[in-house]
Amino acid sequence: MNRPKNVDMLKLDPCSLITPEVKATLGMRLAQPGDPDADFGEGSKNCTSIYEDRAYTTGVDTLVNGGVDRLMKTVGEANVTKLQVAGYPAYLNKRDPQKTILGCDIYIDANDGQMLFVSAFTFGDPKATVDGACERATKLANAVGPVLATK
C-alpha cells in the first residue's frame, strides 16, 4: 500500500491533527476529545469539532480494528468513492439519511489494519445536506492529512 508514512493509530491523538491553523482555516470553535466508537476497536480515540456556524459537527477517530478489507465488508465497495488525501488512499461514504443521521465519512488508510476516520454530520439543521456534510468532511480530511504524514 502506498502511503506517505505509516502512522500507528493506537499511538495517535486525533486532536493533535487539528492544529490552530486547521481550526482557523476551517472556522472551528473548538476541538476536544470525545467518546470513541466501540465499533472502532479497543484503544481507539475520538476528537470532536464544533464549527462557528454550528450546522455540522465533525469527528476524527482512530479506527484500530481493521483497514480497507474491513471497510469493504462493513460499508461495501459499491458505497465508497476512492480518493487521495495528502498522498494516502482514502474512501468517501455518503450516509443514507433514511438509515442514519445525515452525514458523510472519509476513511484514510493510515496503516496496515488501521484507518483514520473523518466524519461530518448534523443533528437536524434544516439547511444541512449530505453534500454539505461531504464538503465539510473533505475539507477536514484535506486539512488533517498533511499533519498525519508528519506524525
N, C-alpha and C. Protein backbone atom coordinates (compact mmCIF):
# COMPACT_ATOMS: atom_id res chain seq x y z
N MET A 1 0.85 -1.19 0.00
CA MET A 1 0.00 0.00 0.00
C MET A 1 0.89 1.24 0.00
N ASN A 2 0.64 2.14 -0.91
CA ASN A 2 1.44 3.37 -0.98
C ASN A 2 0.89 4.42 -0.05
N ARG A 3 1.65 4.74 0.97
CA ARG A 3 1.29 5.81 1.92
C ARG A 3 2.52 6.68 2.09
N PRO A 4 2.33 7.98 2.37
CA PRO A 4 3.49 8.83 2.65
C PRO A 4 4.27 8.34 3.87
N LYS A 5 3.53 7.82 4.85
CA LYS A 5 4.12 7.33 6.09
C LYS A 5 3.08 6.48 6.79
N ASN A 6 3.48 5.33 7.34
CA ASN A 6 2.57 4.53 8.16
C ASN A 6 2.50 5.17 9.54
N VAL A 7 1.29 5.39 10.03
CA VAL A 7 1.09 6.00 11.34
C VAL A 7 0.28 5.04 12.20
N ASP A 8 0.82 4.68 13.36
CA ASP A 8 0.14 3.76 14.28
C ASP A 8 -1.01 4.50 14.96
N MET A 9 -2.23 4.08 14.64
CA MET A 9 -3.42 4.74 15.18
C MET A 9 -3.57 4.54 16.69
N LEU A 10 -2.95 3.49 17.24
CA LEU A 10 -3.01 3.28 18.69
C LEU A 10 -2.21 4.33 19.45
N LYS A 11 -1.23 4.93 18.77
CA LYS A 11 -0.36 5.93 19.43
C LYS A 11 -0.77 7.35 19.08
N LEU A 12 -1.70 7.52 18.16
CA LEU A 12 -2.06 8.86 17.67
C LEU A 12 -3.18 9.48 18.51
N ASP A 13 -2.99 10.74 18.89
CA ASP A 13 -4.07 11.54 19.48
C ASP A 13 -4.72 12.29 18.33
N PRO A 14 -5.97 11.95 17.95
CA PRO A 14 -6.57 12.61 16.79
C PRO A 14 -6.71 14.13 16.96
N CYS A 15 -6.82 14.62 18.20
CA CYS A 15 -6.91 16.07 18.39
C CYS A 15 -5.59 16.77 18.03
N SER A 16 -4.48 16.01 18.03
CA SER A 16 -3.20 16.62 17.66
C SER A 16 -3.15 16.97 16.17
N LEU A 17 -4.06 16.40 15.39
CA LEU A 17 -4.12 16.71 13.96
C LEU A 17 -4.83 18.03 13.69
N ILE A 18 -5.63 18.48 14.66
CA ILE A 18 -6.39 19.72 14.47
C ILE A 18 -5.59 20.85 15.11
N THR A 19 -4.65 21.34 14.33
CA THR A 19 -3.75 22.39 14.78
C THR A 19 -4.49 23.73 14.84
N PRO A 20 -3.92 24.73 15.49
CA PRO A 20 -4.55 26.05 15.48
C PRO A 20 -4.79 26.56 14.05
N GLU A 21 -3.89 26.23 13.13
CA GLU A 21 -4.05 26.66 11.73
C GLU A 21 -5.26 25.98 11.10
N VAL A 22 -5.42 24.68 11.37
CA VAL A 22 -6.58 23.94 10.84
C VAL A 22 -7.87 24.54 11.39
N LYS A 23 -7.90 24.80 12.70
CA LYS A 23 -9.10 25.39 13.31
C LYS A 23 -9.44 26.73 12.68
N ALA A 24 -8.43 27.58 12.50
CA ALA A 24 -8.67 28.92 11.94
C ALA A 24 -9.14 28.82 10.49
N THR A 25 -8.50 27.97 9.71
CA THR A 25 -8.84 27.82 8.29
C THR A 25 -10.26 27.31 8.10
N LEU A 26 -10.67 26.37 8.94
CA LEU A 26 -11.98 25.74 8.76
C LEU A 26 -13.10 26.39 9.57
N GLY A 27 -12.78 27.38 10.39
CA GLY A 27 -13.80 28.07 11.18
C GLY A 27 -14.33 27.23 12.33
N MET A 28 -13.43 26.48 12.98
CA MET A 28 -13.84 25.66 14.12
C MET A 28 -13.84 26.48 15.40
N ARG A 29 -14.84 26.23 16.20
CA ARG A 29 -14.93 26.89 17.50
C ARG A 29 -14.10 26.13 18.53
N LEU A 30 -14.18 24.81 18.48
CA LEU A 30 -13.38 24.01 19.40
C LEU A 30 -13.20 22.61 18.86
N ALA A 31 -12.15 21.95 19.34
CA ALA A 31 -11.88 20.55 19.05
C ALA A 31 -11.46 19.93 20.37
N GLN A 32 -12.15 18.88 20.78
CA GLN A 32 -11.86 18.29 22.08
C GLN A 32 -12.05 16.78 22.03
N PRO A 33 -11.36 16.05 22.92
CA PRO A 33 -11.54 14.60 22.96
C PRO A 33 -12.98 14.24 23.27
N GLY A 34 -13.46 13.22 22.60
CA GLY A 34 -14.82 12.73 22.83
C GLY A 34 -14.77 11.24 23.11
N ASP A 35 -15.93 10.62 23.12
CA ASP A 35 -16.02 9.18 23.38
C ASP A 35 -15.80 8.42 22.07
N PRO A 36 -14.82 7.51 22.04
CA PRO A 36 -14.61 6.74 20.81
C PRO A 36 -15.74 5.76 20.58
N ASP A 37 -15.96 5.43 19.34
CA ASP A 37 -16.99 4.47 18.95
C ASP A 37 -16.47 3.07 19.26
N ALA A 38 -17.23 2.30 20.02
CA ALA A 38 -16.82 0.94 20.40
C ALA A 38 -16.55 0.07 19.17
N ASP A 39 -17.23 0.36 18.06
CA ASP A 39 -17.03 -0.41 16.83
C ASP A 39 -15.64 -0.23 16.23
N PHE A 40 -14.90 0.78 16.69
CA PHE A 40 -13.59 1.09 16.09
C PHE A 40 -12.44 0.37 16.77
N GLY A 41 -12.73 -0.42 17.80
CA GLY A 41 -11.71 -1.25 18.41
C GLY A 41 -11.18 -0.71 19.73
N GLU A 42 -10.68 -1.63 20.54
CA GLU A 42 -10.09 -1.29 21.83
C GLU A 42 -8.89 -0.38 21.64
N GLY A 43 -8.90 0.77 22.30
CA GLY A 43 -7.78 1.71 22.18
C GLY A 43 -8.00 2.80 21.14
N SER A 44 -9.17 2.80 20.50
CA SER A 44 -9.45 3.88 19.53
C SER A 44 -9.70 5.18 20.30
N LYS A 45 -9.49 6.32 19.61
CA LYS A 45 -9.67 7.63 20.23
C LYS A 45 -10.51 8.51 19.31
N ASN A 46 -11.15 9.52 19.90
CA ASN A 46 -12.01 10.43 19.15
C ASN A 46 -11.65 11.87 19.48
N CYS A 47 -11.81 12.73 18.47
CA CYS A 47 -11.72 14.18 18.66
C CYS A 47 -12.94 14.78 17.95
N THR A 48 -13.76 15.50 18.68
CA THR A 48 -14.98 16.10 18.14
C THR A 48 -14.76 17.60 17.94
N SER A 49 -15.24 18.11 16.82
CA SER A 49 -15.07 19.53 16.50
C SER A 49 -16.42 20.19 16.29
N ILE A 50 -16.54 21.39 16.77
CA ILE A 50 -17.75 22.19 16.57
C ILE A 50 -17.34 23.46 15.82
N TYR A 51 -18.14 23.83 14.85
CA TYR A 51 -17.84 24.97 13.98
C TYR A 51 -18.59 26.21 14.45
N GLU A 52 -18.08 27.35 14.03
CA GLU A 52 -18.74 28.62 14.36
C GLU A 52 -20.20 28.64 13.85
N ASP A 53 -20.43 28.07 12.66
CA ASP A 53 -21.80 28.13 12.10
C ASP A 53 -22.73 27.06 12.69
N ARG A 54 -22.17 26.07 13.37
CA ARG A 54 -22.92 25.03 14.08
C ARG A 54 -23.86 24.20 13.21
N ALA A 55 -23.78 24.29 11.89
CA ALA A 55 -24.64 23.47 11.04
C ALA A 55 -24.20 22.01 11.05
N TYR A 56 -22.88 21.79 11.16
CA TYR A 56 -22.33 20.44 11.16
C TYR A 56 -21.38 20.27 12.33
N THR A 57 -21.23 19.04 12.76
CA THR A 57 -20.23 18.65 13.74
C THR A 57 -19.31 17.67 13.02
N THR A 58 -18.04 17.71 13.34
CA THR A 58 -17.13 16.76 12.73
C THR A 58 -16.42 15.95 13.80
N GLY A 59 -15.94 14.81 13.38
CA GLY A 59 -15.17 13.96 14.27
C GLY A 59 -13.99 13.39 13.54
N VAL A 60 -12.91 13.19 14.27
CA VAL A 60 -11.74 12.48 13.76
C VAL A 60 -11.50 11.35 14.75
N ASP A 61 -11.54 10.12 14.25
CA ASP A 61 -11.39 8.95 15.10
C ASP A 61 -10.25 8.09 14.58
N THR A 62 -9.62 7.37 15.50
CA THR A 62 -8.68 6.33 15.10
C THR A 62 -9.44 5.02 15.07
N LEU A 63 -9.36 4.33 13.96
CA LEU A 63 -10.03 3.05 13.77
C LEU A 63 -8.92 2.00 13.80
N VAL A 64 -8.91 1.16 14.84
CA VAL A 64 -7.75 0.30 15.09
C VAL A 64 -8.02 -1.20 14.90
N ASN A 65 -9.24 -1.55 14.49
CA ASN A 65 -9.57 -2.97 14.38
C ASN A 65 -9.86 -3.41 12.96
N GLY A 66 -9.23 -2.77 11.99
CA GLY A 66 -9.41 -3.21 10.61
C GLY A 66 -9.15 -2.09 9.63
N GLY A 67 -8.64 -2.47 8.49
CA GLY A 67 -8.32 -1.49 7.46
C GLY A 67 -9.30 -1.55 6.31
N VAL A 68 -8.76 -1.46 5.10
CA VAL A 68 -9.59 -1.38 3.90
C VAL A 68 -10.45 -2.63 3.73
N ASP A 69 -9.90 -3.81 4.04
CA ASP A 69 -10.69 -5.04 3.90
C ASP A 69 -11.95 -4.98 4.77
N ARG A 70 -11.80 -4.53 6.01
CA ARG A 70 -12.95 -4.41 6.91
C ARG A 70 -13.94 -3.40 6.37
N LEU A 71 -13.44 -2.27 5.88
CA LEU A 71 -14.31 -1.23 5.33
C LEU A 71 -15.15 -1.78 4.18
N MET A 72 -14.53 -2.54 3.29
CA MET A 72 -15.25 -3.07 2.13
C MET A 72 -16.32 -4.08 2.56
N LYS A 73 -16.08 -4.78 3.67
CA LYS A 73 -17.08 -5.73 4.18
C LYS A 73 -18.22 -5.01 4.91
N THR A 74 -17.88 -3.98 5.71
CA THR A 74 -18.91 -3.35 6.54
C THR A 74 -19.69 -2.28 5.78
N VAL A 75 -19.02 -1.45 5.00
CA VAL A 75 -19.70 -0.38 4.27
C VAL A 75 -20.08 -0.85 2.87
N GLY A 76 -19.19 -1.64 2.27
CA GLY A 76 -19.44 -2.17 0.93
C GLY A 76 -18.75 -1.36 -0.15
N GLU A 77 -18.06 -2.07 -1.02
CA GLU A 77 -17.29 -1.40 -2.07
C GLU A 77 -18.16 -0.51 -2.95
N ALA A 78 -19.40 -0.92 -3.18
CA ALA A 78 -20.31 -0.14 -4.04
C ALA A 78 -20.69 1.20 -3.40
N ASN A 79 -20.50 1.32 -2.08
CA ASN A 79 -20.92 2.52 -1.37
C ASN A 79 -19.80 3.51 -1.11
N VAL A 80 -18.59 3.22 -1.60
CA VAL A 80 -17.48 4.13 -1.35
C VAL A 80 -16.92 4.69 -2.65
N THR A 81 -16.42 5.91 -2.55
CA THR A 81 -15.74 6.57 -3.66
C THR A 81 -14.28 6.69 -3.26
N LYS A 82 -13.39 6.23 -4.13
CA LYS A 82 -11.96 6.28 -3.82
C LYS A 82 -11.43 7.70 -4.01
N LEU A 83 -10.59 8.12 -3.06
CA LEU A 83 -9.97 9.45 -3.06
C LEU A 83 -8.49 9.32 -2.74
N GLN A 84 -7.79 10.44 -2.81
CA GLN A 84 -6.44 10.57 -2.26
C GLN A 84 -6.50 11.73 -1.28
N VAL A 85 -5.94 11.54 -0.09
CA VAL A 85 -5.86 12.61 0.91
C VAL A 85 -4.40 12.72 1.33
N ALA A 86 -3.75 13.79 0.94
CA ALA A 86 -2.34 14.04 1.28
C ALA A 86 -1.47 12.83 0.92
N GLY A 87 -1.77 12.18 -0.19
CA GLY A 87 -0.99 11.03 -0.64
C GLY A 87 -1.45 9.70 -0.08
N TYR A 88 -2.39 9.72 0.86
CA TYR A 88 -2.94 8.49 1.44
C TYR A 88 -4.13 8.01 0.61
N PRO A 89 -4.27 6.69 0.42
CA PRO A 89 -5.51 6.19 -0.16
C PRO A 89 -6.65 6.49 0.83
N ALA A 90 -7.79 6.90 0.30
CA ALA A 90 -8.92 7.25 1.16
C ALA A 90 -10.22 6.87 0.46
N TYR A 91 -11.28 6.78 1.26
CA TYR A 91 -12.57 6.31 0.76
C TYR A 91 -13.68 7.15 1.38
N LEU A 92 -14.56 7.68 0.53
CA LEU A 92 -15.66 8.52 0.98
C LEU A 92 -16.96 7.70 0.95
N ASN A 93 -17.75 7.83 2.01
CA ASN A 93 -19.05 7.17 2.08
C ASN A 93 -20.10 8.19 2.50
N LYS A 94 -21.09 8.40 1.61
CA LYS A 94 -22.22 9.26 1.96
C LYS A 94 -23.21 8.41 2.74
N ARG A 95 -23.54 8.84 3.95
CA ARG A 95 -24.51 8.09 4.76
C ARG A 95 -25.89 8.20 4.15
N ASP A 96 -26.64 7.13 4.23
CA ASP A 96 -28.02 7.13 3.77
C ASP A 96 -28.88 7.79 4.85
N PRO A 97 -29.41 9.01 4.59
CA PRO A 97 -30.18 9.71 5.63
C PRO A 97 -31.45 8.97 6.05
N GLN A 98 -31.87 7.98 5.26
CA GLN A 98 -33.04 7.18 5.65
C GLN A 98 -32.67 6.19 6.76
N LYS A 99 -31.38 5.83 6.86
CA LYS A 99 -30.95 4.79 7.79
C LYS A 99 -30.21 5.33 9.02
N THR A 100 -29.67 6.52 8.92
CA THR A 100 -28.83 7.04 10.00
C THR A 100 -28.89 8.57 9.99
N ILE A 101 -28.17 9.20 10.91
CA ILE A 101 -28.14 10.66 10.89
C ILE A 101 -27.44 11.13 9.62
N LEU A 102 -27.84 12.27 9.14
CA LEU A 102 -27.31 12.82 7.91
C LEU A 102 -25.82 13.10 8.08
N GLY A 103 -25.00 12.54 7.19
CA GLY A 103 -23.57 12.75 7.32
C GLY A 103 -22.78 12.14 6.19
N CYS A 104 -21.46 12.27 6.33
CA CYS A 104 -20.52 11.82 5.32
C CYS A 104 -19.24 11.41 6.03
N ASP A 105 -18.66 10.29 5.60
CA ASP A 105 -17.47 9.74 6.25
C ASP A 105 -16.33 9.58 5.25
N ILE A 106 -15.13 9.85 5.71
CA ILE A 106 -13.93 9.59 4.91
C ILE A 106 -13.00 8.71 5.74
N TYR A 107 -12.59 7.61 5.16
CA TYR A 107 -11.68 6.67 5.79
C TYR A 107 -10.32 6.84 5.13
N ILE A 108 -9.30 7.17 5.90
CA ILE A 108 -7.95 7.35 5.37
C ILE A 108 -7.11 6.14 5.78
N ASP A 109 -6.55 5.47 4.79
CA ASP A 109 -5.75 4.26 5.01
C ASP A 109 -4.37 4.68 5.54
N ALA A 110 -4.24 4.72 6.88
CA ALA A 110 -3.06 5.27 7.53
C ALA A 110 -2.01 4.23 7.90
N ASN A 111 -2.43 2.96 8.02
CA ASN A 111 -1.52 1.91 8.46
C ASN A 111 -2.17 0.57 8.15
N ASP A 112 -1.38 -0.50 8.13
CA ASP A 112 -1.95 -1.82 7.88
C ASP A 112 -2.96 -2.14 8.99
N GLY A 113 -4.21 -2.41 8.59
CA GLY A 113 -5.24 -2.78 9.54
C GLY A 113 -5.77 -1.63 10.40
N GLN A 114 -5.42 -0.40 10.05
CA GLN A 114 -5.86 0.76 10.82
C GLN A 114 -6.22 1.90 9.86
N MET A 115 -7.18 2.72 10.27
CA MET A 115 -7.58 3.86 9.44
C MET A 115 -7.84 5.08 10.31
N LEU A 116 -7.72 6.25 9.70
CA LEU A 116 -8.17 7.48 10.33
C LEU A 116 -9.55 7.75 9.76
N PHE A 117 -10.53 7.95 10.63
CA PHE A 117 -11.93 8.11 10.24
C PHE A 117 -12.31 9.57 10.45
N VAL A 118 -12.66 10.25 9.37
CA VAL A 118 -13.06 11.66 9.42
C VAL A 118 -14.53 11.73 9.02
N SER A 119 -15.35 12.33 9.89
CA SER A 119 -16.79 12.37 9.59
C SER A 119 -17.34 13.77 9.82
N ALA A 120 -18.41 14.05 9.10
CA ALA A 120 -19.17 15.29 9.31
C ALA A 120 -20.63 14.89 9.32
N PHE A 121 -21.37 15.44 10.26
CA PHE A 121 -22.77 15.06 10.40
C PHE A 121 -23.54 16.22 11.03
N THR A 122 -24.86 16.09 11.00
CA THR A 122 -25.70 17.12 11.57
C THR A 122 -26.81 16.48 12.39
N PHE A 123 -27.27 17.22 13.35
CA PHE A 123 -28.38 16.75 14.19
C PHE A 123 -29.61 17.59 13.92
N GLY A 124 -30.07 17.57 12.68
CA GLY A 124 -31.35 18.18 12.37
C GLY A 124 -31.35 19.62 11.91
N ASP A 125 -30.18 20.18 11.55
CA ASP A 125 -30.19 21.54 11.00
C ASP A 125 -30.93 21.48 9.66
N PRO A 126 -32.00 22.26 9.48
CA PRO A 126 -32.81 22.15 8.27
C PRO A 126 -32.05 22.54 6.99
N LYS A 127 -30.98 23.32 7.12
CA LYS A 127 -30.21 23.72 5.93
C LYS A 127 -29.14 22.71 5.57
N ALA A 128 -28.90 21.74 6.43
CA ALA A 128 -27.82 20.78 6.21
C ALA A 128 -28.21 19.73 5.16
N THR A 129 -27.21 19.30 4.37
CA THR A 129 -27.41 18.28 3.34
C THR A 129 -26.27 17.27 3.41
N VAL A 130 -26.47 16.11 2.78
CA VAL A 130 -25.40 15.12 2.71
C VAL A 130 -24.21 15.70 1.96
N ASP A 131 -24.47 16.42 0.85
CA ASP A 131 -23.37 17.02 0.10
C ASP A 131 -22.63 18.06 0.93
N GLY A 132 -23.37 18.81 1.74
CA GLY A 132 -22.73 19.78 2.64
C GLY A 132 -21.85 19.08 3.66
N ALA A 133 -22.33 17.95 4.18
CA ALA A 133 -21.54 17.17 5.13
C ALA A 133 -20.29 16.63 4.44
N CYS A 134 -20.42 16.17 3.19
CA CYS A 134 -19.25 15.66 2.46
C CYS A 134 -18.24 16.77 2.18
N GLU A 135 -18.74 17.96 1.90
CA GLU A 135 -17.84 19.10 1.68
C GLU A 135 -17.05 19.39 2.97
N ARG A 136 -17.74 19.38 4.10
CA ARG A 136 -17.10 19.64 5.40
C ARG A 136 -16.09 18.53 5.72
N ALA A 137 -16.49 17.27 5.52
CA ALA A 137 -15.60 16.13 5.81
C ALA A 137 -14.37 16.17 4.90
N THR A 138 -14.57 16.51 3.63
CA THR A 138 -13.45 16.56 2.69
C THR A 138 -12.47 17.66 3.07
N LYS A 139 -12.98 18.83 3.43
CA LYS A 139 -12.09 19.92 3.85
C LYS A 139 -11.30 19.53 5.09
N LEU A 140 -11.96 18.88 6.04
CA LEU A 140 -11.28 18.47 7.26
C LEU A 140 -10.22 17.40 6.95
N ALA A 141 -10.59 16.41 6.14
CA ALA A 141 -9.62 15.35 5.78
C ALA A 141 -8.41 15.95 5.08
N ASN A 142 -8.64 16.89 4.17
CA ASN A 142 -7.53 17.51 3.45
C ASN A 142 -6.69 18.42 4.34
N ALA A 143 -7.27 18.88 5.43
CA ALA A 143 -6.52 19.71 6.38
C ALA A 143 -5.69 18.86 7.34
N VAL A 144 -6.25 17.72 7.80
CA VAL A 144 -5.52 16.90 8.78
C VAL A 144 -4.58 15.90 8.10
N GLY A 145 -4.81 15.55 6.84
CA GLY A 145 -3.98 14.59 6.14
C GLY A 145 -2.50 14.97 6.12
N PRO A 146 -2.16 16.22 5.75
CA PRO A 146 -0.75 16.60 5.77
C PRO A 146 -0.14 16.57 7.18
N VAL A 147 -0.94 16.85 8.21
CA VAL A 147 -0.44 16.78 9.59
C VAL A 147 -0.19 15.31 9.94
N LEU A 148 -1.08 14.42 9.50
CA LEU A 148 -0.93 12.99 9.76
C LEU A 148 0.42 12.50 9.24
N ALA A 149 0.80 12.95 8.07
CA ALA A 149 2.06 12.50 7.45
C ALA A 149 3.29 12.95 8.24
N THR A 150 3.12 13.87 9.19
CA THR A 150 4.27 14.33 10.00
C THR A 150 4.37 13.57 11.32
N LYS A 151 3.41 12.72 11.63
CA LYS A 151 3.38 12.02 12.93
C LYS A 151 4.31 10.81 12.95
